[in-house]
Protein backbone atom coordinates (compact mmCIF):
# COMPACT_ATOMS: atom_id res chain seq x y z
CA MET A 1 2.80 4.04 2.46
CA ASN A 2 -0.84 3.24 1.69
CA PHE A 3 -2.36 3.85 -1.70
CA ILE A 4 -4.71 6.54 -0.38
CA PHE A 5 -1.77 8.57 0.88
CA HIS A 6 -0.02 8.19 -2.48
CA PHE A 7 -3.00 9.59 -4.28
CA PHE A 8 -3.48 12.51 -1.91
CA PHE A 9 0.19 13.37 -1.89
CA ASN A 10 0.62 13.11 -5.66
CA PHE A 11 -2.47 15.25 -6.21
CA ALA A 12 -1.10 17.95 -3.87
CA VAL A 13 2.35 17.91 -5.66
CA ALA A 14 0.62 17.96 -9.05
CA SER A 15 -1.41 20.99 -7.92
CA LEU A 16 1.84 22.74 -7.03
CA CYS A 17 3.40 21.81 -10.35
CA PHE A 18 0.48 22.37 -12.77
CA GLY A 19 -1.99 24.39 -10.69
CA PRO A 20 -5.18 23.08 -8.97
CA ILE A 21 -7.36 23.43 -12.08
CA GLU A 22 -5.01 21.36 -14.26
CA ALA A 23 -4.51 18.82 -11.45
CA LYS A 24 -8.29 18.34 -11.34
CA ARG A 25 -8.29 17.71 -15.09
CA ALA A 26 -5.58 15.06 -14.60
CA VAL A 27 -7.09 13.42 -11.50
CA LEU A 28 -7.68 10.08 -13.32
CA PRO A 29 -4.05 9.58 -14.45
CA ILE A 30 -2.86 10.73 -11.02
CA ALA A 31 -5.14 8.19 -9.32
CA ILE A 32 -4.14 5.34 -11.69
CA PHE A 33 -0.40 5.90 -11.69
CA SER A 34 -0.28 6.72 -7.95
CA THR A 35 -1.55 3.24 -7.17
CA ILE A 36 -0.80 0.86 -10.04
CA ILE A 37 2.79 0.43 -8.98
CA ASP A 38 1.53 -1.42 -5.90
CA ILE A 39 0.25 -4.20 -8.16
CA ASP A 40 3.52 -5.95 -7.47
CA HIS A 41 2.39 -6.54 -3.88
CA VAL A 42 -0.30 -9.03 -5.08
CA ARG A 43 2.30 -11.84 -5.47
CA TYR A 44 3.38 -11.29 -1.82
CA ILE A 45 -0.21 -11.13 -0.55
CA ILE A 46 -1.10 -14.44 -2.21
CA LYS A 47 2.07 -16.06 -0.88
CA GLU A 48 1.63 -14.81 2.74
CA GLY A 49 -2.10 -15.08 3.05
CA LEU A 50 -3.33 -14.00 6.52
CA GLY A 51 0.31 -13.84 7.74
CA ILE A 52 0.50 -10.50 6.06
CA LEU A 53 -1.38 -8.90 8.95
CA LYS A 54 1.68 -9.50 11.20
CA LYS A 55 4.48 -8.96 8.64
CA ARG A 56 3.01 -5.96 6.77
CA PHE A 57 4.51 -4.69 3.58
CA GLY A 58 8.20 -3.97 3.17
CA ALA A 59 11.17 -4.58 0.94
CA LYS A 60 10.34 -8.27 0.60
CA SER A 61 6.90 -7.52 -0.79
CA ARG A 62 8.33 -5.49 -3.72
CA THR A 63 9.66 -6.51 -7.09
CA ILE A 64 12.50 -4.78 -8.93
CA PHE A 65 9.97 -2.24 -10.32
CA HIS A 66 9.52 -0.78 -6.91
CA ASP A 67 13.16 0.26 -6.31
CA PHE A 68 15.83 2.19 -8.13
CA LEU A 69 15.92 -0.11 -11.16
CA GLY A 70 12.14 0.35 -11.49
CA LEU A 71 12.55 4.10 -11.30
CA ALA A 72 15.14 3.90 -14.10
CA ILE A 73 12.92 1.65 -16.23
CA PHE A 74 9.82 3.79 -15.80
CA SER A 75 11.84 6.99 -16.47
CA TRP A 76 13.24 5.42 -19.66
CA ILE A 77 9.77 4.35 -20.89
CA PHE A 78 8.21 7.75 -20.14
CA SER A 79 11.11 9.60 -21.83
CA ILE A 80 10.52 7.59 -25.02
CA ILE A 81 6.79 8.22 -24.85
CA PHE A 82 7.44 11.91 -24.32
CA PHE A 83 9.01 12.19 -27.80
CA LEU A 84 5.98 10.64 -29.52
CA PRO A 85 3.47 13.01 -31.19
CA TYR A 86 1.10 13.03 -28.27
CA ARG A 87 -1.15 16.01 -27.54
CA ALA A 88 -2.33 15.27 -23.98
CA PHE A 89 0.98 16.23 -22.33
CA LEU A 90 -0.71 17.15 -19.04
CA PHE A 91 -1.87 13.56 -18.61
CA LEU A 92 1.55 12.24 -19.54
CA GLU A 93 3.31 14.59 -17.20
CA ALA A 94 0.90 13.84 -14.36
CA SER A 95 1.45 10.08 -14.91
CA ILE A 96 5.23 10.52 -14.90
CA LEU A 97 5.13 12.68 -11.77
CA SER A 98 2.79 10.19 -10.02
CA VAL A 99 5.08 7.17 -10.72
CA ILE A 100 8.28 8.99 -9.69
CA LEU A 101 6.68 10.38 -6.49
CA HIS A 102 5.27 6.99 -5.56
CA LEU A 103 8.63 5.29 -5.93
CA THR A 104 10.47 8.07 -4.15
CA VAL A 105 8.10 8.14 -1.16
CA ASP A 106 8.18 4.39 -0.80
CA PHE A 107 11.97 4.45 -0.94
CA LEU A 108 12.31 7.24 1.57
CA ALA A 109 9.62 6.02 3.98
CA GLY A 110 10.36 2.33 4.19
CA LYS A 111 12.91 -0.38 3.81
CA ALA A 112 14.12 -1.09 0.32
CA TYR A 113 16.64 -3.01 -1.74
CA PRO A 114 17.79 0.01 -3.73
CA LEU A 115 20.29 -1.87 -5.96
CA GLN A 116 18.10 -4.91 -6.59
CA PRO A 117 18.80 -7.28 -8.46
CA PHE A 118 22.52 -6.61 -7.98
CA SER A 119 22.44 -6.41 -4.19
CA PHE A 120 19.81 -7.51 -1.67
CA VAL A 121 21.06 -5.33 1.21
CA GLU A 122 18.01 -3.86 2.85
CA THR A 123 18.38 -0.14 3.58
CA GLY A 124 16.20 2.61 4.94
CA PHE A 125 16.58 6.31 5.70
CA PHE A 126 14.62 6.40 8.94
CA THR A 127 14.80 4.05 11.90
CA ILE A 128 11.45 4.27 13.70
CA SER A 129 9.32 1.68 15.35
CA ALA A 130 6.49 -0.06 13.60
CA ARG A 131 3.95 1.73 15.80
CA ALA A 132 5.46 5.14 15.09
CA LYS A 133 5.45 4.40 11.36
CA ILE A 134 1.80 3.44 11.45
CA LEU A 135 0.93 6.70 13.34
CA LEU A 136 3.02 8.75 10.93
CA GLU A 137 1.31 7.08 7.96
CA ILE A 138 -2.17 7.73 9.37
CA SER A 139 -1.44 11.33 10.27
CA MET A 140 0.13 12.09 6.83
CA THR A 141 -2.81 10.43 5.06
CA VAL A 142 -5.29 12.57 7.03
CA ALA A 143 -3.20 15.72 6.53
CA PHE A 144 -2.90 15.24 2.79
CA GLY A 145 -6.54 14.20 2.61
CA GLY A 146 -7.34 17.63 4.06
CA VAL A 147 -5.07 19.28 1.50
CA PHE A 148 -6.87 17.33 -1.24
CA ILE A 149 -10.29 18.56 0.04
CA LEU A 150 -9.04 22.18 0.15
CA LEU A 151 -7.58 21.98 -3.36
CA TRP A 152 -10.68 20.31 -4.79
CA LEU A 153 -13.05 22.95 -3.47
């Protein structure tokens, strides 16, 4: 999924979890942690160059931090941070929620190597064509963009 969708979706879920007012207060951590995980795609973009327009992003463009092992590592780091004397728990909780939702959506919506680095068997939950996936991604981005606008007002 694209980074705009991740932000809109994570903001909508944060609004459900914390309330719209608190989600607005935590909009910066939601924006940062909804998208920063995709930094691992930079290596793939540099390697593929213009060929990326045909191949698009998938399991091959991700590092171990984008699959199950990454979810475990991020959860471990956040659980340690959670026990530190830290007053801004809303920002921490919004950051944790954004990372976990990003990884979960990417795992459910695309192809992944869930047991990387132990197994490189590519799996996916849905078998749809590339065109249908693009249409689904566009429609979900627009829908959650509308939800974002409604929640922000």
